[in-house]
PDB file of N, CA and C in Angstrom:
ATOM      1  N   MET A   1      71.494 114.361 128.692  1.00  0.00           N
ATOM      2  CA  MET A   1      72.765 114.385 127.761  1.00  0.00           C
ATOM      3  C   MET A   1      72.227 113.819 126.514  1.00  0.00           C
ATOM      4  N   GLU A   2      72.524 114.946 125.446  1.00  0.00           N
ATOM      5  CA  GLU A   2      71.972 114.718 124.151  1.00  0.00           C
ATOM      6  C   GLU A   2      72.898 113.675 123.342  1.00  0.00           C
ATOM      7  N   GLU A   3      72.189 112.630 122.740  1.00  0.00           N
ATOM      8  CA  GLU A   3      73.099 111.509 122.118  1.00  0.00           C
ATOM      9  C   GLU A   3      73.186 112.341 120.520  1.00  0.00           C
ATOM     10  N   LYS A   4      74.696 111.968 120.055  1.00  0.00           N
ATOM     11  CA  LYS A   4      75.076 112.667 118.961  1.00  0.00           C
ATOM     12  C   LYS A   4      74.610 111.760 117.859  1.00  0.00           C
ATOM     13  N   SER A   5      74.126 112.067 116.625  1.00  0.00           N
ATOM     14  CA  SER A   5      73.745 111.204 115.509  1.00  0.00           C
ATOM     15  C   SER A   5      75.170 110.860 114.620  1.00  0.00           C
ATOM     16  N   ILE A   6      75.076 109.784 114.348  1.00  0.00           N
ATOM     17  CA  ILE A   6      76.477 109.532 113.402  1.00  0.00           C
ATOM     18  C   ILE A   6      75.999 109.192 112.100  1.00  0.00           C
ATOM     19  N   ASP A   7      76.723 109.976 111.138  1.00  0.00           N
ATOM     20  CA  ASP A   7      76.447 109.908 109.711  1.00  0.00           C
ATOM     21  C   ASP A   7      77.383 108.756 109.235  1.00  0.00           C
ATOM     22  N   TYR A   8      76.771 107.393 108.962  1.00  0.00           N
ATOM     23  CA  TYR A   8      77.641 106.467 108.642  1.00  0.00           C
ATOM     24  C   TYR A   8      78.059 106.356 107.220  1.00  0.00           C
ATOM     25  N   SER A   9      77.451 107.164 106.531  1.00  0.00           N
ATOM     26  CA  SER A   9      77.833 107.375 105.083  1.00  0.00           C
ATOM     27  C   SER A   9      79.154 107.918 104.896  1.00  0.00           C
ATOM     28  N   LYS A  10      79.480 108.656 106.041  1.00  0.00           N
ATOM     29  CA  LYS A  10      80.881 109.438 105.951  1.00  0.00           C
ATOM     30  C   LYS A  10      82.182 108.500 106.641  1.00  0.00           C
ATOM     31  N   ILE A  11      81.849 107.492 107.068  1.00  0.00           N
ATOM     32  CA  ILE A  11      82.875 106.461 107.727  1.00  0.00           C
ATOM     33  C   ILE A  11      83.204 105.583 106.558  1.00  0.00           C
ATOM     34  N   GLU A  12      84.611 105.690 106.372  1.00  0.00           N
ATOM     35  CA  GLU A  12      85.213 104.678 105.363  1.00  0.00           C
ATOM     36  C   GLU A  12      85.150 103.250 105.988  1.00  0.00           C
ATOM     37  N   PRO A  13      84.843 102.318 104.977  1.00  0.00           N
ATOM     38  CA  PRO A  13      84.840 101.003 105.194  1.00  0.00           C
ATOM     39  C   PRO A  13      85.975 100.478 106.061  1.00  0.00           C
ATOM     40  N   TYR A  14      87.091 100.885 105.796  1.00  0.00           N
ATOM     41  CA  TYR A  14      88.438 100.557 106.523  1.00  0.00           C
ATOM     42  C   TYR A  14      88.113 100.611 108.059  1.00  0.00           C
ATOM     43  N   HIS A  15      87.369 101.334 108.579  1.00  0.00           N
ATOM     44  CA  HIS A  15      87.231 101.498 109.941  1.00  0.00           C
ATOM     45  C   HIS A  15      86.167 100.444 110.563  1.00  0.00           C
ATOM     46  N   TYR A  16      85.313  99.810 109.712  1.00  0.00           N
ATOM     47  CA  TYR A  16      84.314  98.917 110.355  1.00  0.00           C
ATOM     48  C   TYR A  16      84.138  97.645 109.592  1.00  0.00           C
ATOM     49  N   SER A  17      84.741  97.243 108.593  1.00  0.00           N
ATOM     50  CA  SER A  17      84.786  95.938 107.949  1.00  0.00           C
ATOM     51  C   SER A  17      85.686  94.989 108.327  1.00  0.00           C
ATOM     52  N   ASP A  18      85.688  93.888 108.359  1.00  0.00           N
ATOM     53  CA  ASP A  18      86.556  92.835 108.685  1.00  0.00           C
ATOM     54  C   ASP A  18      86.925  91.983 107.477  1.00  0.00           C
ATOM     55  N   TRP A  19      86.388  92.281 106.279  1.00  0.00           N
ATOM     56  CA  TRP A  19      86.748  91.821 104.972  1.00  0.00           C
ATOM     57  C   TRP A  19      88.249  91.674 104.876  1.00  0.00           C
ATOM     58  N   LEU A  20      88.921  92.776 104.792  1.00  0.00           N
ATOM     59  CA  LEU A  20      90.099  92.949 104.616  1.00  0.00           C
ATOM     60  C   LEU A  20      90.996  91.982 105.472  1.00  0.00           C
ATOM     61  N   HIS A  21      90.487  91.805 106.699  1.00  0.00           N
ATOM     62  CA  HIS A  21      91.387  90.870 107.677  1.00  0.00           C
ATOM     63  C   HIS A  21      91.133  89.449 107.344  1.00  0.00           C
ATOM     64  N   SER A  22      90.351  89.105 106.594  1.00  0.00           N
ATOM     65  CA  SER A  22      89.865  87.545 106.114  1.00  0.00           C
ATOM     66  C   SER A  22      90.895  87.267 105.175  1.00  0.00           C
ATOM     67  N   LEU A  23      91.711  87.992 104.343  1.00  0.00           N
ATOM     68  CA  LEU A  23      92.580  87.714 103.261  1.00  0.00           C
ATOM     69  C   LEU A  23      93.979  87.118 103.789  1.00  0.00           C
ATOM     70  N   SER A  24      94.565  86.416 103.111  1.00  0.00           N
ATOM     71  CA  SER A  24      95.985  85.972 103.635  1.00  0.00           C
ATOM     72  C   SER A  24      96.807  87.019 103.247  1.00  0.00           C
ATOM     73  N   PHE A  25      97.989  86.887 103.850  1.00  0.00           N
ATOM     74  CA  PHE A  25      99.111  87.999 103.492  1.00  0.00           C
ATOM     75  C   PHE A  25      99.439  87.988 102.129  1.00  0.00           C
ATOM     76  N   ASP A  26      99.379  86.865 101.394  1.00  0.00           N
ATOM     77  CA  ASP A  26      99.795  86.873 100.165  1.00  0.00           C
ATOM     78  C   ASP A  26      98.953  87.296  99.048  1.00  0.00           C
ATOM     79  N   ASP A  27      97.371  86.833  99.680  1.00  0.00           N
ATOM     80  CA  ASP A  27      96.443  87.579  98.779  1.00  0.00           C
ATOM     81  C   ASP A  27      96.255  89.135  98.906  1.00  0.00           C
ATOM     82  N   LEU A  28      96.701  89.604 100.150  1.00  0.00           N
ATOM     83  CA  LEU A  28      96.542  91.017 100.469  1.00  0.00           C
ATOM     84  C   LEU A  28      97.595  91.671  99.568  1.00  0.00           C
ATOM     85  N   GLN A  29      98.779  91.078  99.353  1.00  0.00           N
ATOM     86  CA  GLN A  29     100.199  91.654  98.662  1.00  0.00           C
ATOM     87  C   GLN A  29      99.558  91.839  97.110  1.00  0.00           C
ATOM     88  N   LYS A  30      99.026  90.893  96.719  1.00  0.00           N
ATOM     89  CA  LYS A  30      98.746  90.760  95.454  1.00  0.00           C
ATOM     90  C   LYS A  30      97.641  91.639  94.897  1.00  0.00           C
ATOM     91  N   LEU A  31      96.508  91.919  95.993  1.00  0.00           N
ATOM     92  CA  LEU A  31      95.500  92.837  95.671  1.00  0.00           C
ATOM     93  C   LEU A  31      96.150  94.231  95.736  1.00  0.00           C
ATOM     94  N   ARG A  32      97.132  94.490  96.858  1.00  0.00           N
ATOM     95  CA  ARG A  32      97.839  95.916  96.971  1.00  0.00           C
ATOM     96  C   ARG A  32      98.449  96.230  95.517  1.00  0.00           C
ATOM     97  N   LYS A  33      99.197  95.113  94.989  1.00  0.00           N
ATOM     98  CA  LYS A  33      99.806  95.402  93.746  1.00  0.00           C
ATOM     99  C   LYS A  33      98.942  95.811  92.654  1.00  0.00           C
ATOM    100  N   VAL A  34      97.754  95.067  92.463  1.00  0.00           N
ATOM    101  CA  VAL A  34      96.602  95.505  91.366  1.00  0.00           C
ATOM    102  C   VAL A  34      96.243  96.796  91.726  1.00  0.00           C
ATOM    103  N   VAL A  35      95.805  97.174  93.073  1.00  0.00           N
ATOM    104  CA  VAL A  35      95.479  98.629  93.313  1.00  0.00           C
ATOM    105  C   VAL A  35      96.244  99.656  92.986  1.00  0.00           C
ATOM    106  N   ARG A  36      97.546  99.405  93.306  1.00  0.00           N
ATOM    107  CA  ARG A  36      98.539 100.415  92.945  1.00  0.00           C
ATOM    108  C   ARG A  36      98.692 100.643  91.515  1.00  0.00           C
ATOM    109  N   GLN A  37      98.636  99.461  90.678  1.00  0.00           N
ATOM    110  CA  GLN A  37      98.683  99.650  89.154  1.00  0.00           C
ATOM    111  C   GLN A  37      97.494 100.062  88.367  1.00  0.00           C
ATOM    112  N   VAL A  38      96.396  99.660  88.992  1.00  0.00           N
ATOM    113  CA  VAL A  38      95.163 100.145  88.373  1.00  0.00           C
ATOM    114  C   VAL A  38      94.501 101.274  88.820  1.00  0.00           C
ATOM    115  N   HIS A  39      94.072 101.356  90.192  1.00  0.00           N
ATOM    116  CA  HIS A  39      93.304 102.340  90.778  1.00  0.00           C
ATOM    117  C   HIS A  39      94.258 103.541  91.361  1.00  0.00           C
ATOM    118  N   MET A  40      95.445 103.348  91.575  1.00  0.00           N
ATOM    119  CA  MET A  40      96.125 104.582  92.005  1.00  0.00           C
ATOM    120  C   MET A  40      97.088 105.014  90.953  1.00  0.00           C
ATOM    121  N   LYS A  41      97.012 104.642  89.695  1.00  0.00           N
ATOM    122  CA  LYS A  41      98.064 104.922  88.679  1.00  0.00           C
ATOM    123  C   LYS A  41      98.277 106.444  88.523  1.00  0.00           C
ATOM    124  N   ASN A  42      97.217 107.380  88.978  1.00  0.00           N
ATOM    125  CA  ASN A  42      97.309 108.846  88.872  1.00  0.00           C
ATOM    126  C   ASN A  42      97.513 109.335  90.222  1.00  0.00           C
ATOM    127  N   TYR A  43      97.634 108.607  91.342  1.00  0.00           N
ATOM    128  CA  TYR A  43      97.967 109.147  92.659  1.00  0.00           C
ATOM    129  C   TYR A  43      99.352 109.677  92.812  1.00  0.00           C
ATOM    130  N   PRO A  44      99.390 110.798  93.515  1.00  0.00           N
ATOM    131  CA  PRO A  44     100.715 111.234  93.755  1.00  0.00           C
ATOM    132  C   PRO A  44     101.481 110.207  94.664  1.00  0.00           C
ATOM    133  N   LYS A  45     102.807 109.833  94.586  1.00  0.00           N
ATOM    134  CA  LYS A  45     103.584 109.066  95.215  1.00  0.00           C
ATOM    135  C   LYS A  45     103.308 109.025  96.654  1.00  0.00           C
ATOM    136  N   SER A  46     103.190 110.290  97.231  1.00  0.00           N
ATOM    137  CA  SER A  46     103.128 110.496  98.660  1.00  0.00           C
ATOM    138  C   SER A  46     101.640 109.982  99.226  1.00  0.00           C
ATOM    139  N   HIS A  47     100.761 109.647  98.299  1.00  0.00           N
ATOM    140  CA  HIS A  47      99.458 109.011  98.686  1.00  0.00           C
ATOM    141  C   HIS A  47      99.330 107.784  98.725  1.00  0.00           C
ATOM    142  N   MET A  48     100.393 106.920  98.033  1.00  0.00           N
ATOM    143  CA  MET A  48     100.371 105.589  97.672  1.00  0.00           C
ATOM    144  C   MET A  48     100.985 104.621  98.703  1.00  0.00           C
ATOM    145  N   THR A  49     100.095 104.902  99.869  1.00  0.00           N
ATOM    146  CA  THR A  49     100.465 104.047 101.167  1.00  0.00           C
ATOM    147  C   THR A  49      99.802 102.922 101.268  1.00  0.00           C
ATOM    148  N   GLU A  50     100.306 102.007 102.138  1.00  0.00           N
ATOM    149  CA  GLU A  50      99.521 100.414 102.269  1.00  0.00           C
ATOM    150  C   GLU A  50      98.234 100.986 102.887  1.00  0.00           C
ATOM    151  N   ARG A  51      98.039 101.869 103.825  1.00  0.00           N
ATOM    152  CA  ARG A  51      96.814 102.314 104.380  1.00  0.00           C
ATOM    153  C   ARG A  51      95.757 102.642 103.193  1.00  0.00           C
ATOM    154  N   GLU A  52      96.123 103.471 102.247  1.00  0.00           N
ATOM    155  CA  GLU A  52      95.343 103.901 101.414  1.00  0.00           C
ATOM    156  C   GLU A  52      94.967 102.843 100.410  1.00  0.00           C
ATOM    157  N   MET A  53      95.844 101.958 100.118  1.00  0.00           N
ATOM    158  CA  MET A  53      95.601 100.707  99.168  1.00  0.00           C
ATOM    159  C   MET A  53      94.411  99.829 100.030  1.00  0.00           C
ATOM    160  N   ASP A  54      94.922  99.669 101.253  1.00  0.00           N
ATOM    161  CA  ASP A  54      93.869  98.740 101.976  1.00  0.00           C
ATOM    162  C   ASP A  54      92.493  99.379 101.970  1.00  0.00           C
ATOM    163  N   ARG A  55      92.459 100.688 102.235  1.00  0.00           N
ATOM    164  CA  ARG A  55      91.137 101.280 102.117  1.00  0.00           C
ATOM    165  C   ARG A  55      90.283 101.417 100.770  1.00  0.00           C
ATOM    166  N   ILE A  56      90.963 101.368  99.605  1.00  0.00           N
ATOM    167  CA  ILE A  56      90.470 101.190  98.457  1.00  0.00           C
ATOM    168  C   ILE A  56      90.039  99.616  98.261  1.00  0.00           C
ATOM    169  N   ILE A  57      90.809  98.495  98.825  1.00  0.00           N
ATOM    170  CA  ILE A  57      90.545  97.181  98.676  1.00  0.00           C
ATOM    171  C   ILE A  57      89.243  96.864  99.548  1.00  0.00           C
ATOM    172  N   GLU A  58      89.161  97.648 100.753  1.00  0.00           N
ATOM    173  CA  GLU A  58      88.180  97.409 101.553  1.00  0.00           C
ATOM    174  C   GLU A  58      86.869  97.899 101.076  1.00  0.00           C
ATOM    175  N   ALA A  59      87.045  99.041 100.205  1.00  0.00           N
ATOM    176  CA  ALA A  59      85.696  99.597  99.694  1.00  0.00           C
ATOM    177  C   ALA A  59      85.388  98.859  98.497  1.00  0.00           C
ATOM    178  N   ILE A  60      86.011  98.446  97.729  1.00  0.00           N
ATOM    179  CA  ILE A  60      85.613  97.759  96.367  1.00  0.00           C
ATOM    180  C   ILE A  60      85.551  96.242  96.464  1.00  0.00           C
ATOM    181  N   GLY A  61      86.344  95.737  97.315  1.00  0.00           N
ATOM    182  CA  GLY A  61      86.866  94.153  97.415  1.00  0.00           C
ATOM    183  C   GLY A  61      85.385  93.494  97.483  1.00  0.00           C
ATOM    184  N   PRO A  62      84.590  93.590  98.258  1.00  0.00           N
ATOM    185  CA  PRO A  62      83.470  92.758  98.634  1.00  0.00           C
ATOM    186  C   PRO A  62      82.661  92.910  97.333  1.00  0.00           C
ATOM    187  N   ARG A  63      82.457  93.988  96.736  1.00  0.00           N
ATOM    188  CA  ARG A  63      81.542  94.081  95.476  1.00  0.00           C
ATOM    189  C   ARG A  63      82.207  93.364  94.295  1.00  0.00           C
ATOM    190  N   VAL A  64      83.341  93.519  94.113  1.00  0.00           N
ATOM    191  CA  VAL A  64      84.166  92.822  93.078  1.00  0.00           C
ATOM    192  C   VAL A  64      84.140  91.171  93.229  1.00  0.00           C
ATOM    193  N   ALA A  65      84.221  90.769  94.605  1.00  0.00           N
ATOM    194  CA  ALA A  65      84.296  89.358  94.887  1.00  0.00           C
ATOM    195  C   ALA A  65      82.909  88.748  94.417  1.00  0.00           C
ATOM    196  N   GLU A  66      81.819  89.507  94.883  1.00  0.00           N
ATOM    197  CA  GLU A  66      80.463  89.318  94.627  1.00  0.00           C
ATOM    198  C   GLU A  66      80.137  89.036  93.180  1.00  0.00           C
ATOM    199  N   LYS A  67      80.728  90.030  92.513  1.00  0.00           N
ATOM    200  CA  LYS A  67      80.306  90.101  90.866  1.00  0.00           C
ATOM    201  C   LYS A  67      81.138  88.828  90.190  1.00  0.00           C
ATOM    202  N   GLN A  68      82.298  88.450  90.836  1.00  0.00           N
ATOM    203  CA  GLN A  68      83.085  87.432  90.230  1.00  0.00           C
ATOM    204  C   GLN A  68      82.384  85.945  90.657  1.00  0.00           C
ATOM    205  N   LEU A  69      81.938  85.862  91.615  1.00  0.00           N
ATOM    206  CA  LEU A  69      81.212  84.718  92.249  1.00  0.00           C
ATOM    207  C   LEU A  69      79.999  84.527  91.285  1.00  0.00           C
ATOM    208  N   LYS A  70      79.235  85.675  91.088  1.00  0.00           N
ATOM    209  CA  LYS A  70      77.973  85.550  90.122  1.00  0.00           C
ATOM    210  C   LYS A  70      78.295  85.085  88.640  1.00  0.00           C
ATOM    211  N   ALA A  71      79.517  85.874  88.174  1.00  0.00           N
ATOM    212  CA  ALA A  71      79.816  85.386  86.952  1.00  0.00           C
ATOM    213  C   ALA A  71      79.966  83.986  86.865  1.00  0.00           C
ATOM    214  N   LEU A  72      80.956  83.201  87.699  1.00  0.00           N
ATOM    215  CA  LEU A  72      81.282  81.834  87.882  1.00  0.00           C
ATOM    216  C   LEU A  72      79.937  81.176  87.867  1.00  0.00           C
ATOM    217  N   ILE A  73      79.100  81.415  88.626  1.00  0.00           N
ATOM    218  CA  ILE A  73      77.764  80.752  88.879  1.00  0.00           C
ATOM    219  C   ILE A  73      76.977  80.829  87.594  1.00  0.00           C
ATOM    220  N   ASP A  74      76.981  82.040  87.101  1.00  0.00           N
ATOM    221  CA  ASP A  74      76.050  82.118  85.736  1.00  0.00           C
ATOM    222  C   ASP A  74      76.576  81.307  84.579  1.00  0.00           C
ATOM    223  N   ALA A  75      78.009  81.093  84.778  1.00  0.00           N
ATOM    224  CA  ALA A  75      78.649  80.496  83.627  1.00  0.00           C
ATOM    225  C   ALA A  75      78.596  79.023  83.953  1.00  0.00           C
ATOM    226  N   GLY A  76      78.113  78.549  84.892  1.00  0.00           N
ATOM    227  CA  GLY A  76      78.069  77.127  85.343  1.00  0.00           C
ATOM    228  C   GLY A  76      79.328  76.611  85.503  1.00  0.00           C
ATOM    229  N   GLN A  77      80.224  77.426  86.258  1.00  0.00           N
ATOM    230  CA  GLN A  77      81.633  76.878  86.641  1.00  0.00           C
ATOM    231  C   GLN A  77      81.592  76.738  87.992  1.00  0.00           C
ATOM    232  N   LEU A  78      80.500  76.989  88.938  1.00  0.00           N
ATOM    233  CA  LEU A  78      80.324  77.026  90.280  1.00  0.00           C
ATOM    234  C   LEU A  78      78.986  76.736  90.655  1.00  0.00           C
ATOM    235  N   ALA A  79      78.693  75.647  91.336  1.00  0.00           N
ATOM    236  CA  ALA A  79      77.494  75.457  91.805  1.00  0.00           C
ATOM    237  C   ALA A  79      76.958  76.211  93.201  1.00  0.00           C
TER     238      ALA A  79
END
């Protein structure tokens, strides 16, 4: 039986990351609000679903959090 190769670059982060699930409900709601206002401002209303917002949060969230932590450390506000 031939084993199929999986192209992981085509899998959305929503499917394999647990970063989103580590957020509290309140934090998730706040992030969804920001994503709706900033990242989805040109989306059609029919595409503004919680799942789509979560997909965007999952895709960019860890990188944004890492940049914020680095900025705090570089500014000497976090050891």
